[in-house]
Amino acid sequence: MEYKAGTICESLAGHDRGELFVIIEEQKEYVFLVNGDSRPLAKPKKKKKKHIQVIYDEEEWKSKVLIERGRIRDEHIRSLIRGYKRRGQS
């Protein structure tokens, strides 16, 4: 399983179980997650990889490019997650 920056994932454990996040960084057994709201870019959530489920999204390349260039903002993260939720309900 790949834990790449820009990938959408779902929390499987903890008080945030069921919430969607975007991975912004990976380190050994941890990932750093943001959702643009309760977890902004300025304060990412550090979570063990075994406690998340990666969701492969066809739009992830957009967020990956923004993250790599350092041009992403909390609004982009919220928009990405909102868009994924909308497509899932169709």
C-alpha atoms as a PDB file:
ATOM      1  CA  MET A   1       0.000   0.000   0.000  1.00  0.00           C
ATOM      2  CA  GLU A   2       1.312   3.434  -0.903  1.00  0.00           C
ATOM      3  CA  TYR A   3       1.077   6.372   1.454  1.00  0.00           C
ATOM      4  CA  LYS A   4       1.790   9.248  -0.925  1.00  0.00           C
ATOM      5  CA  ALA A   5       1.298  12.943  -0.266  1.00  0.00           C
ATOM      6  CA  GLY A   6      -2.021  14.051  -1.704  1.00  0.00           C
ATOM      7  CA  THR A   7      -3.805  10.741  -1.137  1.00  0.00           C
ATOM      8  CA  ILE A   8      -7.186  10.731   0.577  1.00  0.00           C
ATOM      9  CA  CYS A   9      -7.544   8.332   3.501  1.00  0.00           C
ATOM     10  CA  GLU A  10     -10.006   7.385   6.224  1.00  0.00           C
ATOM     11  CA  SER A  11      -9.155   7.098   9.904  1.00  0.00           C
ATOM     12  CA  LEU A  12      -9.824   3.600  11.259  1.00  0.00           C
ATOM     13  CA  ALA A  13      -9.004   4.210  14.927  1.00  0.00           C
ATOM     14  CA  GLY A  14      -9.176   6.906  17.558  1.00  0.00           C
ATOM     15  CA  HIS A  15     -11.660   9.680  18.269  1.00  0.00           C
ATOM     16  CA  ASP A  16     -11.489  10.715  14.601  1.00  0.00           C
ATOM     17  CA  ARG A  17     -12.565   7.269  13.321  1.00  0.00           C
ATOM     18  CA  GLY A  18     -14.490   7.509  10.053  1.00  0.00           C
ATOM     19  CA  GLU A  19     -13.204  10.971   9.141  1.00  0.00           C
ATOM     20  CA  LEU A  20     -11.491  11.670   5.832  1.00  0.00           C
ATOM     21  CA  PHE A  21      -8.031  13.227   5.666  1.00  0.00           C
ATOM     22  CA  VAL A  22      -5.361  14.006   3.099  1.00  0.00           C
ATOM     23  CA  ILE A  23      -1.837  12.704   3.630  1.00  0.00           C
ATOM     24  CA  ILE A  24       0.727  15.502   3.458  1.00  0.00           C
ATOM     25  CA  GLU A  25       3.820  13.605   4.597  1.00  0.00           C
ATOM     26  CA  GLU A  26       5.059  10.069   5.266  1.00  0.00           C
ATOM     27  CA  GLN A  27       7.756   8.951   7.720  1.00  0.00           C
ATOM     28  CA  LYS A  28       8.592   5.282   8.404  1.00  0.00           C
ATOM     29  CA  GLU A  29       5.517   3.971  10.255  1.00  0.00           C
ATOM     30  CA  TYR A  30       3.676   7.309  10.484  1.00  0.00           C
ATOM     31  CA  VAL A  31       1.780   9.665   8.200  1.00  0.00           C
ATOM     32  CA  PHE A  32       0.802  13.273   8.779  1.00  0.00           C
ATOM     33  CA  LEU A  33      -2.844  14.020   8.014  1.00  0.00           C
ATOM     34  CA  VAL A  34      -4.867  17.184   7.471  1.00  0.00           C
ATOM     35  CA  ASN A  35      -8.504  17.916   6.696  1.00  0.00           C
ATOM     36  CA  GLY A  36      -8.362  21.712   6.428  1.00  0.00           C
ATOM     37  CA  ASP A  37     -10.768  22.134   9.324  1.00  0.00           C
ATOM     38  CA  SER A  38     -10.091  20.514  12.699  1.00  0.00           C
ATOM     39  CA  ARG A  39      -6.629  19.535  11.398  1.00  0.00           C
ATOM     40  CA  PRO A  40      -5.243  22.451   9.365  1.00  0.00           C
ATOM     41  CA  LEU A  41      -1.941  22.401   7.499  1.00  0.00           C
ATOM     42  CA  ALA A  42      -0.337  24.278  10.390  1.00  0.00           C
ATOM     43  CA  LYS A  43      -1.193  21.452  12.815  1.00  0.00           C
ATOM     44  CA  PRO A  44      -1.249  18.043  11.062  1.00  0.00           C
ATOM     45  CA  LYS A  45      -2.277  14.851  12.846  1.00  0.00           C
ATOM     46  CA  LYS A  46       0.497  12.262  13.273  1.00  0.00           C
ATOM     47  CA  LYS A  47      -1.015   8.804  12.929  1.00  0.00           C
ATOM     48  CA  LYS A  48       0.320   5.278  12.520  1.00  0.00           C
ATOM     49  CA  LYS A  49      -0.130   3.845   9.045  1.00  0.00           C
ATOM     50  CA  LYS A  50      -1.944   0.798  10.415  1.00  0.00           C
ATOM     51  CA  HIS A  51      -4.702   3.092  11.713  1.00  0.00           C
ATOM     52  CA  ILE A  52      -5.723   4.501   8.318  1.00  0.00           C
ATOM     53  CA  GLN A  53      -7.261   3.131   5.121  1.00  0.00           C
ATOM     54  CA  VAL A  54      -5.892   4.650   1.930  1.00  0.00           C
ATOM     55  CA  ILE A  55      -8.521   5.622  -0.633  1.00  0.00           C
ATOM     56  CA  TYR A  56      -7.233   5.760  -4.177  1.00  0.00           C
ATOM     57  CA  ASP A  57      -8.752   8.748  -5.910  1.00  0.00           C
ATOM     58  CA  GLU A  58      -8.397   9.742  -9.556  1.00  0.00           C
ATOM     59  CA  GLU A  59      -8.054  13.389  -8.496  1.00  0.00           C
ATOM     60  CA  GLU A  60      -5.153  12.830  -6.090  1.00  0.00           C
ATOM     61  CA  TRP A  61      -2.573  14.072  -8.602  1.00  0.00           C
ATOM     62  CA  LYS A  62      -3.955  17.610  -8.246  1.00  0.00           C
ATOM     63  CA  SER A  63      -3.351  17.736  -4.509  1.00  0.00           C
ATOM     64  CA  LYS A  64       0.011  15.971  -4.881  1.00  0.00           C
ATOM     65  CA  VAL A  65       1.257  18.672  -7.256  1.00  0.00           C
ATOM     66  CA  LEU A  66       0.054  21.451  -4.933  1.00  0.00           C
ATOM     67  CA  ILE A  67       1.686  19.827  -1.887  1.00  0.00           C
ATOM     68  CA  GLU A  68       5.001  19.288  -3.692  1.00  0.00           C
ATOM     69  CA  ARG A  69       5.069  22.921  -4.791  1.00  0.00           C
ATOM     70  CA  GLY A  70       4.126  24.147  -1.320  1.00  0.00           C
ATOM     71  CA  ARG A  71       1.130  25.963  -2.738  1.00  0.00           C
ATOM     72  CA  ILE A  72      -1.676  24.130  -1.000  1.00  0.00           C
ATOM     73  CA  ARG A  73      -3.975  25.804   1.513  1.00  0.00           C
ATOM     74  CA  ASP A  74      -6.616  24.551   3.917  1.00  0.00           C
ATOM     75  CA  GLU A  75      -9.303  25.593   1.408  1.00  0.00           C
ATOM     76  CA  HIS A  76      -7.812  23.203  -1.174  1.00  0.00           C
ATOM     77  CA  ILE A  77      -7.856  20.340   1.329  1.00  0.00           C
ATOM     78  CA  ARG A  78     -11.494  20.974   2.279  1.00  0.00           C
ATOM     79  CA  SER A  79     -12.462  21.199  -1.387  1.00  0.00           C
ATOM     80  CA  LEU A  80     -10.698  17.934  -2.230  1.00  0.00           C
ATOM     81  CA  ILE A  81     -12.438  16.051   0.591  1.00  0.00           C
ATOM     82  CA  ARG A  82     -15.830  17.626  -0.234  1.00  0.00           C
ATOM     83  CA  GLY A  83     -15.425  16.645  -3.894  1.00  0.00           C
ATOM     84  CA  TYR A  84     -14.592  13.063  -2.977  1.00  0.00           C
ATOM     85  CA  LYS A  85     -17.654  12.822  -0.714  1.00  0.00           C
ATOM     86  CA  ARG A  86     -19.892  14.193  -3.501  1.00  0.00           C
ATOM     87  CA  ARG A  87     -18.632  11.657  -6.035  1.00  0.00           C
ATOM     88  CA  GLY A  88     -19.151   8.853  -3.508  1.00  0.00           C
ATOM     89  CA  GLN A  89     -22.813   9.721  -3.059  1.00  0.00           C
ATOM     90  CA  SER A  90     -23.621   9.813  -6.781  1.00  0.00           C
END
